[in-house]
Amino acid sequence: MKTLDIGFLEKIPLFTGLPKEKMEQVRSIMTIRTVTQGSFIIRENEQGSELFILLDGEVEVSRTLLLKISGAGMDQRDKMLNKLTANDHAFFGEMGLFDEKNERTASVIAKTHCSIAVLERDSFFQLTEQDKEIGYVILKNILRIVSDRLDKTTKDVLKLTTALSLALER
């Protein structure tokens, strides 16, 4: 099982700008889980209250698509959106920290044996209430990262809409 060392955490964009002593406080509230190949870490549409950091292994992020099959109704298929490895300093599930009724927007499946660090909502907010600097830095980073992801999604939707419009004009 991989250990959760400060050097690795410092490379996670979520913790950019956090001093080492504050990083140690964050590390102290995380747990490490081992996930077997083929297991779900997150299931789309289920509620979740955890953020995950990939320490070792590879995961696949996917979403369910509904497809109209001529004469046969609707068909559900998963669409792989991304593959992440520990070398990517990947984290996922951050939206689960903010809303008790939050439903996961994608599934994350272990493609290999994985080690993940888990940050629970209650522990996170208890720590950020005790130490406002930790809360400020991490929440600022989450806001920047989510904003970047939203911007990328908006651009992708625009490209897809343009391609669909051009295809329908033919």
N, C-alpha and C. Protein backbone atom coordinates (compact mmCIF):
# COMPACT_ATOMS: atom_id res chain seq x y z
N MET A 1 0.84 -1.18 0.00
CA MET A 1 0.00 0.00 0.00
C MET A 1 0.89 1.25 0.00
N LYS A 2 0.54 2.20 -0.82
CA LYS A 2 1.29 3.46 -0.92
C LYS A 2 1.05 4.31 0.32
N THR A 3 2.09 5.00 0.74
CA THR A 3 1.95 5.91 1.88
C THR A 3 1.59 7.30 1.38
N LEU A 4 1.09 8.09 2.26
CA LEU A 4 0.67 9.45 1.92
C LEU A 4 1.73 10.42 2.43
N ASP A 5 2.71 10.74 1.55
CA ASP A 5 3.78 11.62 2.01
C ASP A 5 3.54 13.05 1.52
N ILE A 6 4.08 13.97 2.28
CA ILE A 6 3.91 15.40 2.03
C ILE A 6 4.45 15.77 0.64
N GLY A 7 5.57 15.20 0.25
CA GLY A 7 6.15 15.50 -1.07
C GLY A 7 5.18 15.22 -2.20
N PHE A 8 4.44 14.12 -2.11
CA PHE A 8 3.45 13.79 -3.13
C PHE A 8 2.28 14.77 -3.08
N LEU A 9 1.80 15.06 -1.87
CA LEU A 9 0.66 15.98 -1.73
C LEU A 9 0.98 17.37 -2.27
N GLU A 10 2.22 17.81 -2.12
CA GLU A 10 2.61 19.14 -2.61
C GLU A 10 2.44 19.27 -4.12
N LYS A 11 2.45 18.15 -4.83
CA LYS A 11 2.31 18.18 -6.29
C LYS A 11 0.85 18.18 -6.73
N ILE A 12 -0.07 17.99 -5.81
CA ILE A 12 -1.50 17.99 -6.13
C ILE A 12 -1.96 19.44 -6.25
N PRO A 13 -2.53 19.86 -7.39
CA PRO A 13 -2.94 21.25 -7.57
C PRO A 13 -3.88 21.78 -6.49
N LEU A 14 -4.59 20.91 -5.86
CA LEU A 14 -5.51 21.26 -4.78
C LEU A 14 -4.79 21.95 -3.62
N PHE A 15 -3.53 21.62 -3.42
CA PHE A 15 -2.78 22.10 -2.26
C PHE A 15 -1.72 23.15 -2.61
N THR A 16 -1.74 23.67 -3.83
CA THR A 16 -0.77 24.69 -4.24
C THR A 16 -0.81 25.88 -3.27
N GLY A 17 0.35 26.27 -2.77
CA GLY A 17 0.45 27.43 -1.89
C GLY A 17 0.24 27.13 -0.42
N LEU A 18 0.01 25.87 -0.08
CA LEU A 18 -0.21 25.50 1.31
C LEU A 18 1.15 25.19 1.97
N PRO A 19 1.49 25.87 3.05
CA PRO A 19 2.77 25.60 3.72
C PRO A 19 2.84 24.16 4.25
N LYS A 20 4.07 23.64 4.38
CA LYS A 20 4.28 22.25 4.81
C LYS A 20 3.57 21.90 6.11
N GLU A 21 3.63 22.80 7.10
CA GLU A 21 3.00 22.49 8.39
C GLU A 21 1.48 22.39 8.25
N LYS A 22 0.90 23.15 7.33
CA LYS A 22 -0.55 23.08 7.08
C LYS A 22 -0.87 21.81 6.29
N MET A 23 0.05 21.46 5.39
CA MET A 23 -0.11 20.24 4.61
C MET A 23 -0.16 19.02 5.53
N GLU A 24 0.64 19.05 6.56
CA GLU A 24 0.66 17.95 7.54
C GLU A 24 -0.70 17.83 8.23
N GLN A 25 -1.33 18.95 8.53
CA GLN A 25 -2.65 18.92 9.16
C GLN A 25 -3.67 18.27 8.21
N VAL A 26 -3.61 18.61 6.93
CA VAL A 26 -4.52 18.03 5.95
C VAL A 26 -4.27 16.53 5.84
N ARG A 27 -3.00 16.17 5.76
CA ARG A 27 -2.64 14.75 5.64
C ARG A 27 -3.19 13.96 6.83
N SER A 28 -3.17 14.56 8.01
CA SER A 28 -3.59 13.84 9.22
C SER A 28 -5.08 13.48 9.23
N ILE A 29 -5.89 14.15 8.43
CA ILE A 29 -7.33 13.82 8.40
C ILE A 29 -7.72 12.92 7.22
N MET A 30 -6.74 12.55 6.42
CA MET A 30 -7.01 11.68 5.27
C MET A 30 -6.81 10.22 5.65
N THR A 31 -7.53 9.36 4.98
CA THR A 31 -7.33 7.92 5.12
C THR A 31 -6.89 7.38 3.76
N ILE A 32 -6.28 6.21 3.79
CA ILE A 32 -5.85 5.57 2.55
C ILE A 32 -6.68 4.30 2.35
N ARG A 33 -7.16 4.12 1.13
CA ARG A 33 -7.90 2.92 0.77
C ARG A 33 -7.20 2.23 -0.39
N THR A 34 -7.34 0.93 -0.40
CA THR A 34 -6.88 0.13 -1.52
C THR A 34 -8.11 -0.27 -2.32
N VAL A 35 -8.01 -0.14 -3.64
CA VAL A 35 -9.14 -0.46 -4.52
C VAL A 35 -8.66 -1.50 -5.52
N THR A 36 -9.42 -2.57 -5.66
CA THR A 36 -9.04 -3.62 -6.59
C THR A 36 -9.43 -3.25 -8.02
N GLN A 37 -8.70 -3.82 -8.96
CA GLN A 37 -8.96 -3.57 -10.38
C GLN A 37 -10.42 -3.89 -10.70
N GLY A 38 -11.06 -3.00 -11.45
CA GLY A 38 -12.44 -3.19 -11.87
C GLY A 38 -13.48 -2.67 -10.90
N SER A 39 -13.06 -2.22 -9.73
CA SER A 39 -14.00 -1.72 -8.72
C SER A 39 -14.34 -0.25 -8.96
N PHE A 40 -15.57 0.10 -8.61
CA PHE A 40 -15.99 1.50 -8.68
C PHE A 40 -15.44 2.24 -7.47
N ILE A 41 -14.89 3.41 -7.71
CA ILE A 41 -14.52 4.33 -6.64
C ILE A 41 -15.68 5.30 -6.45
N ILE A 42 -16.23 5.76 -7.55
CA ILE A 42 -17.41 6.62 -7.57
C ILE A 42 -18.39 6.05 -8.59
N ARG A 43 -19.68 6.08 -8.25
CA ARG A 43 -20.72 5.68 -9.20
C ARG A 43 -21.56 6.90 -9.56
N GLU A 44 -21.72 7.10 -10.84
CA GLU A 44 -22.53 8.20 -11.34
C GLU A 44 -23.93 8.14 -10.72
N ASN A 45 -24.46 9.30 -10.35
CA ASN A 45 -25.80 9.51 -9.77
C ASN A 45 -25.94 9.10 -8.32
N GLU A 46 -24.91 8.52 -7.72
CA GLU A 46 -24.98 8.22 -6.29
C GLU A 46 -24.48 9.43 -5.51
N GLN A 47 -24.95 9.55 -4.29
CA GLN A 47 -24.49 10.65 -3.45
C GLN A 47 -23.12 10.33 -2.89
N GLY A 48 -22.34 11.37 -2.68
CA GLY A 48 -21.00 11.17 -2.15
C GLY A 48 -20.56 12.37 -1.33
N SER A 49 -19.70 12.12 -0.37
CA SER A 49 -19.22 13.19 0.50
C SER A 49 -17.70 13.16 0.63
N GLU A 50 -17.04 12.59 -0.36
CA GLU A 50 -15.60 12.41 -0.27
C GLU A 50 -14.90 12.94 -1.51
N LEU A 51 -13.71 13.42 -1.29
CA LEU A 51 -12.78 13.77 -2.36
C LEU A 51 -11.70 12.69 -2.36
N PHE A 52 -11.25 12.30 -3.53
CA PHE A 52 -10.26 11.23 -3.65
C PHE A 52 -9.01 11.74 -4.35
N ILE A 53 -7.86 11.30 -3.88
CA ILE A 53 -6.58 11.60 -4.52
C ILE A 53 -5.97 10.26 -4.93
N LEU A 54 -5.62 10.15 -6.20
CA LEU A 54 -5.05 8.91 -6.71
C LEU A 54 -3.56 8.86 -6.36
N LEU A 55 -3.20 7.93 -5.50
CA LEU A 55 -1.81 7.79 -5.06
C LEU A 55 -1.02 6.81 -5.91
N ASP A 56 -1.71 5.78 -6.41
CA ASP A 56 -1.05 4.74 -7.17
C ASP A 56 -2.08 4.06 -8.05
N GLY A 57 -1.71 3.76 -9.30
CA GLY A 57 -2.60 3.05 -10.19
C GLY A 57 -3.20 3.94 -11.28
N GLU A 58 -4.23 3.40 -11.94
CA GLU A 58 -4.89 4.09 -13.04
C GLU A 58 -6.40 3.94 -12.91
N VAL A 59 -7.12 5.02 -13.17
CA VAL A 59 -8.59 5.00 -13.15
C VAL A 59 -9.13 5.52 -14.46
N GLU A 60 -10.40 5.18 -14.71
CA GLU A 60 -11.10 5.66 -15.89
C GLU A 60 -12.34 6.40 -15.43
N VAL A 61 -12.54 7.59 -15.97
CA VAL A 61 -13.72 8.40 -15.67
C VAL A 61 -14.68 8.25 -16.83
N SER A 62 -15.95 7.92 -16.54
CA SER A 62 -16.94 7.74 -17.60
C SER A 62 -18.29 8.29 -17.18
N ARG A 63 -19.11 8.57 -18.19
CA ARG A 63 -20.49 9.03 -17.98
C ARG A 63 -21.41 8.19 -18.83
N THR A 64 -22.63 8.08 -18.39
CA THR A 64 -23.63 7.34 -19.14
C THR A 64 -24.23 8.24 -20.20
N LEU A 65 -24.33 7.72 -21.41
CA LEU A 65 -24.97 8.43 -22.51
C LEU A 65 -26.26 7.70 -22.86
N LEU A 66 -27.29 8.46 -23.19
CA LEU A 66 -28.52 7.86 -23.69
C LEU A 66 -28.51 8.00 -25.20
N LEU A 67 -28.67 6.89 -25.91
CA LEU A 67 -28.65 6.90 -27.36
C LEU A 67 -29.98 6.39 -27.90
N LYS A 68 -30.52 7.08 -28.88
CA LYS A 68 -31.74 6.64 -29.52
C LYS A 68 -31.35 5.63 -30.59
N ILE A 69 -31.87 4.43 -30.44
CA ILE A 69 -31.61 3.36 -31.40
C ILE A 69 -32.85 3.25 -32.29
N SER A 70 -32.66 3.36 -33.61
CA SER A 70 -33.81 3.38 -34.52
C SER A 70 -34.73 2.20 -34.29
N GLY A 71 -35.96 2.51 -33.92
CA GLY A 71 -36.99 1.50 -33.74
C GLY A 71 -36.87 0.69 -32.46
N ALA A 72 -35.78 0.83 -31.74
CA ALA A 72 -35.57 0.01 -30.54
C ALA A 72 -35.64 0.82 -29.25
N GLY A 73 -35.93 2.10 -29.34
CA GLY A 73 -36.02 2.91 -28.13
C GLY A 73 -34.67 3.48 -27.73
N MET A 74 -34.47 3.59 -26.43
CA MET A 74 -33.26 4.21 -25.90
C MET A 74 -32.28 3.14 -25.43
N ASP A 75 -31.01 3.44 -25.59
CA ASP A 75 -29.94 2.55 -25.16
C ASP A 75 -28.99 3.36 -24.29
N GLN A 76 -28.55 2.77 -23.19
CA GLN A 76 -27.59 3.42 -22.31
C GLN A 76 -26.21 2.83 -22.53
N ARG A 77 -25.24 3.71 -22.69
CA ARG A 77 -23.86 3.27 -22.84
C ARG A 77 -22.95 4.20 -22.07
N ASP A 78 -21.87 3.65 -21.54
CA ASP A 78 -20.90 4.49 -20.86
C ASP A 78 -19.91 5.04 -21.87
N LYS A 79 -19.57 6.29 -21.69
CA LYS A 79 -18.58 6.96 -22.53
C LYS A 79 -17.38 7.31 -21.66
N MET A 80 -16.23 6.75 -22.01
CA MET A 80 -15.02 7.05 -21.27
C MET A 80 -14.62 8.49 -21.58
N LEU A 81 -14.45 9.27 -20.53
CA LEU A 81 -14.10 10.68 -20.69
C LEU A 81 -12.61 10.94 -20.48
N ASN A 82 -12.01 10.15 -19.58
CA ASN A 82 -10.62 10.44 -19.22
C ASN A 82 -10.00 9.24 -18.53
N LYS A 83 -8.70 9.08 -18.72
CA LYS A 83 -7.91 8.12 -17.95
C LYS A 83 -6.94 8.93 -17.11
N LEU A 84 -6.83 8.56 -15.84
CA LEU A 84 -5.95 9.28 -14.93
C LEU A 84 -5.01 8.30 -14.25
N THR A 85 -3.78 8.76 -14.02
CA THR A 85 -2.82 7.95 -13.28
C THR A 85 -2.30 8.77 -12.11
N ALA A 86 -1.62 8.11 -11.21
CA ALA A 86 -1.01 8.80 -10.07
C ALA A 86 0.01 9.83 -10.56
N ASN A 87 0.65 9.58 -11.70
CA ASN A 87 1.62 10.53 -12.25
C ASN A 87 0.96 11.84 -12.67
N ASP A 88 -0.37 11.81 -12.87
CA ASP A 88 -1.11 13.03 -13.22
C ASP A 88 -1.40 13.88 -11.99
N HIS A 89 -1.11 13.34 -10.80
CA HIS A 89 -1.44 14.01 -9.53
C HIS A 89 -2.93 14.30 -9.50
N ALA A 90 -3.69 13.27 -9.84
CA ALA A 90 -5.13 13.40 -10.04
C ALA A 90 -5.91 13.35 -8.74
N PHE A 91 -6.96 14.14 -8.71
CA PHE A 91 -7.96 14.06 -7.65
C PHE A 91 -9.32 14.19 -8.31
N PHE A 92 -10.33 13.65 -7.64
CA PHE A 92 -11.68 13.68 -8.21
C PHE A 92 -12.69 13.55 -7.07
N GLY A 93 -13.93 13.94 -7.37
CA GLY A 93 -14.99 13.87 -6.38
C GLY A 93 -15.11 15.12 -5.53
N GLU A 94 -14.41 16.19 -5.92
CA GLU A 94 -14.37 17.40 -5.09
C GLU A 94 -15.74 18.03 -4.86
N MET A 95 -16.67 17.86 -5.78
CA MET A 95 -18.00 18.45 -5.60
C MET A 95 -18.74 17.79 -4.44
N GLY A 96 -18.37 16.58 -4.11
CA GLY A 96 -18.98 15.88 -2.97
C GLY A 96 -18.69 16.55 -1.63
N LEU A 97 -17.70 17.41 -1.59
CA LEU A 97 -17.39 18.11 -0.35
C LEU A 97 -18.41 19.20 -0.02
N PHE A 98 -19.16 19.66 -1.01
CA PHE A 98 -19.93 20.88 -0.84
C PHE A 98 -21.42 20.74 -0.66
N ASP A 99 -22.01 19.62 -1.00
CA ASP A 99 -23.46 19.52 -0.96
C ASP A 99 -23.85 18.12 -0.50
N GLU A 100 -24.61 18.06 0.59
CA GLU A 100 -25.03 16.76 1.13
C GLU A 100 -25.90 15.99 0.14
N LYS A 101 -26.60 16.70 -0.72
CA LYS A 101 -27.49 16.04 -1.68
C LYS A 101 -26.85 15.91 -3.05
N ASN A 102 -25.56 16.21 -3.12
CA ASN A 102 -24.84 16.17 -4.39
C ASN A 102 -24.82 14.75 -4.96
N GLU A 103 -25.17 14.65 -6.24
CA GLU A 103 -25.05 13.37 -6.94
C GLU A 103 -23.79 13.41 -7.79
N ARG A 104 -23.08 12.32 -7.81
CA ARG A 104 -21.86 12.23 -8.60
C ARG A 104 -22.21 12.37 -10.08
N THR A 105 -21.39 13.12 -10.80
CA THR A 105 -21.68 13.39 -12.21
C THR A 105 -21.02 12.40 -13.16
N ALA A 106 -20.18 11.54 -12.64
CA ALA A 106 -19.49 10.55 -13.46
C ALA A 106 -19.13 9.36 -12.59
N SER A 107 -18.77 8.28 -13.25
CA SER A 107 -18.25 7.11 -12.55
C SER A 107 -16.74 7.09 -12.66
N VAL A 108 -16.09 6.60 -11.63
CA VAL A 108 -14.63 6.43 -11.65
C VAL A 108 -14.36 4.98 -11.28
N ILE A 109 -13.69 4.27 -12.18
CA ILE A 109 -13.44 2.84 -12.02
C ILE A 109 -11.94 2.59 -12.02
N ALA A 110 -11.49 1.75 -11.11
CA ALA A 110 -10.08 1.39 -11.05
C ALA A 110 -9.74 0.47 -12.22
N LYS A 111 -8.85 0.91 -13.10
CA LYS A 111 -8.41 0.09 -14.23
C LYS A 111 -7.26 -0.83 -13.83
N THR A 112 -6.60 -0.48 -12.73
CA THR A 112 -5.55 -1.30 -12.15
C THR A 112 -5.79 -1.30 -10.63
N HIS A 113 -5.00 -2.05 -9.93
CA HIS A 113 -5.01 -1.98 -8.47
C HIS A 113 -4.62 -0.56 -8.10
N CYS A 114 -5.36 0.09 -7.22
CA CYS A 114 -5.11 1.50 -6.89
C CYS A 114 -5.02 1.73 -5.39
N SER A 115 -4.27 2.75 -5.03
CA SER A 115 -4.29 3.30 -3.68
C SER A 115 -4.82 4.72 -3.82
N ILE A 116 -5.77 5.07 -2.94
CA ILE A 116 -6.35 6.41 -2.98
C ILE A 116 -6.37 7.00 -1.58
N ALA A 117 -6.15 8.30 -1.51
CA ALA A 117 -6.32 9.04 -0.26
C ALA A 117 -7.74 9.59 -0.27
N VAL A 118 -8.39 9.54 0.88
CA VAL A 118 -9.79 9.96 0.98
C VAL A 118 -9.88 11.12 1.96
N LEU A 119 -10.55 12.17 1.52
CA LEU A 119 -10.81 13.33 2.36
C LEU A 119 -12.32 13.46 2.52
N GLU A 120 -12.80 13.25 3.73
CA GLU A 120 -14.24 13.29 4.04
C GLU A 120 -14.70 14.72 4.27
N ARG A 121 -15.93 15.01 3.84
CA ARG A 121 -16.51 16.35 3.99
C ARG A 121 -16.46 16.86 5.42
N ASP A 122 -16.96 16.09 6.37
CA ASP A 122 -17.04 16.55 7.75
C ASP A 122 -15.65 16.86 8.32
N SER A 123 -14.69 15.99 8.06
CA SER A 123 -13.32 16.22 8.55
C SER A 123 -12.72 17.45 7.90
N PHE A 124 -12.96 17.61 6.60
CA PHE A 124 -12.43 18.75 5.87
C PHE A 124 -12.95 20.06 6.45
N PHE A 125 -14.26 20.16 6.63
CA PHE A 125 -14.81 21.42 7.12
C PHE A 125 -14.51 21.66 8.60
N GLN A 126 -14.36 20.60 9.35
CA GLN A 126 -13.93 20.77 10.74
C GLN A 126 -12.52 21.38 10.78
N LEU A 127 -11.63 20.86 9.94
CA LEU A 127 -10.26 21.40 9.86
C LEU A 127 -10.27 22.84 9.37
N THR A 128 -11.05 23.14 8.32
CA THR A 128 -11.04 24.49 7.76
C THR A 128 -11.68 25.51 8.70
N GLU A 129 -12.56 25.05 9.59
CA GLU A 129 -13.10 25.95 10.61
C GLU A 129 -12.04 26.27 11.67
N GLN A 130 -11.20 25.27 11.96
CA GLN A 130 -10.14 25.46 12.96
C GLN A 130 -8.99 26.30 12.40
N ASP A 131 -8.71 26.14 11.11
CA ASP A 131 -7.58 26.83 10.49
C ASP A 131 -8.05 27.47 9.19
N LYS A 132 -8.36 28.74 9.27
CA LYS A 132 -8.93 29.47 8.13
C LYS A 132 -7.96 29.55 6.95
N GLU A 133 -6.66 29.57 7.21
CA GLU A 133 -5.69 29.63 6.10
C GLU A 133 -5.80 28.37 5.23
N ILE A 134 -5.90 27.22 5.86
CA ILE A 134 -6.05 25.97 5.10
C ILE A 134 -7.32 26.05 4.25
N GLY A 135 -8.40 26.45 4.86
CA GLY A 135 -9.66 26.56 4.13
C GLY A 135 -9.57 27.53 2.97
N TYR A 136 -8.96 28.69 3.20
CA TYR A 136 -8.84 29.69 2.15
C TYR A 136 -8.04 29.17 0.97
N VAL A 137 -6.88 28.60 1.24
CA VAL A 137 -5.99 28.14 0.17
C VAL A 137 -6.64 27.00 -0.63
N ILE A 138 -7.17 26.01 0.06
CA ILE A 138 -7.75 24.87 -0.65
C ILE A 138 -9.01 25.28 -1.41
N LEU A 139 -9.87 26.06 -0.81
CA LEU A 139 -11.10 26.47 -1.50
C LEU A 139 -10.79 27.37 -2.69
N LYS A 140 -9.78 28.23 -2.56
CA LYS A 140 -9.36 29.07 -3.69
C LYS A 140 -8.87 28.18 -4.84
N ASN A 141 -8.09 27.14 -4.51
CA ASN A 141 -7.58 26.23 -5.53
C ASN A 141 -8.73 25.44 -6.18
N ILE A 142 -9.66 24.95 -5.37
CA ILE A 142 -10.80 24.22 -5.92
C ILE A 142 -11.59 25.13 -6.86
N LEU A 143 -11.82 26.36 -6.46
CA LEU A 143 -12.56 27.30 -7.30
C LEU A 143 -11.86 27.51 -8.64
N ARG A 144 -10.54 27.67 -8.61
CA ARG A 144 -9.78 27.86 -9.84
C ARG A 144 -9.86 26.62 -10.74
N ILE A 145 -9.71 25.46 -10.13
CA ILE A 145 -9.73 24.21 -10.90
C ILE A 145 -11.11 23.94 -11.49
N VAL A 146 -12.15 24.11 -10.68
CA VAL A 146 -13.52 23.90 -11.18
C VAL A 146 -13.85 24.92 -12.27
N SER A 147 -13.41 26.15 -12.10
CA SER A 147 -13.62 27.18 -13.11
C SER A 147 -12.94 26.80 -14.43
N ASP A 148 -11.70 26.31 -14.36
CA ASP A 148 -10.98 25.86 -15.56
C ASP A 148 -11.71 24.70 -16.23
N ARG A 149 -12.20 23.76 -15.43
CA ARG A 149 -12.93 22.61 -15.98
C ARG A 149 -14.23 23.06 -16.64
N LEU A 150 -14.92 24.01 -16.02
CA LEU A 150 -16.16 24.53 -16.60
C LEU A 150 -15.88 25.25 -17.92
N ASP A 151 -14.81 26.02 -17.96
CA ASP A 151 -14.43 26.71 -19.19
C ASP A 151 -14.13 25.70 -20.30
N LYS A 152 -13.40 24.64 -19.98
CA LYS A 152 -13.10 23.60 -20.98
C LYS A 152 -14.39 22.93 -21.46
N THR A 153 -15.28 22.63 -20.53
CA THR A 153 -16.55 21.99 -20.88
C THR A 153 -17.37 22.90 -21.80
N THR A 154 -17.41 24.18 -21.50
CA THR A 154 -18.14 25.13 -22.33
C THR A 154 -17.57 25.15 -23.76
N LYS A 155 -16.26 25.16 -23.87
CA LYS A 155 -15.62 25.14 -25.20
C LYS A 155 -15.93 23.84 -25.93
N ASP A 156 -15.91 22.70 -25.21
CA ASP A 156 -16.23 21.42 -25.83
C ASP A 156 -17.67 21.37 -26.32
N VAL A 157 -18.60 21.91 -25.52
CA VAL A 157 -20.01 21.94 -25.93
C VAL A 157 -20.17 22.81 -27.18
N LEU A 158 -19.48 23.93 -27.22
CA LEU A 158 -19.55 24.81 -28.39
C LEU A 158 -19.04 24.09 -29.64
N LYS A 159 -17.93 23.37 -29.51
CA LYS A 159 -17.39 22.61 -30.65
C LYS A 159 -18.38 21.54 -31.11
N LEU A 160 -18.97 20.81 -30.16
CA LEU A 160 -19.93 19.77 -30.51
C LEU A 160 -21.19 20.35 -31.15
N THR A 161 -21.66 21.47 -30.62
CA THR A 161 -22.84 22.12 -31.17
C THR A 161 -22.57 22.59 -32.60
N THR A 162 -21.39 23.14 -32.82
CA THR A 162 -21.01 23.58 -34.16
C THR A 162 -20.94 22.40 -35.11
N ALA A 163 -20.30 21.32 -34.69
CA ALA A 163 -20.21 20.13 -35.54
C ALA A 163 -21.58 19.55 -35.85
N LEU A 164 -22.47 19.51 -34.87
CA LEU A 164 -23.83 19.00 -35.09
C LEU A 164 -24.58 19.90 -36.06
N SER A 165 -24.46 21.21 -35.89
CA SER A 165 -25.13 22.15 -36.79
C SER A 165 -24.66 21.97 -38.23
N LEU A 166 -23.34 21.82 -38.41
CA LEU A 166 -22.80 21.62 -39.75
C LEU A 166 -23.27 20.29 -40.34
N ALA A 167 -23.33 19.26 -39.55
CA ALA A 167 -23.77 17.94 -40.02
C ALA A 167 -25.25 17.98 -40.40
N LEU A 168 -26.07 18.70 -39.66
CA LEU A 168 -27.49 18.78 -39.96
C LEU A 168 -27.79 19.63 -41.17
N GLU A 169 -26.92 20.57 -41.52
CA GLU A 169 -27.11 21.43 -42.69
C GLU A 169 -26.87 20.69 -44.00
N ARG A 170 -26.18 19.58 -43.96
CA ARG A 170 -25.86 18.84 -45.18
C ARG A 170 -27.03 18.10 -45.71
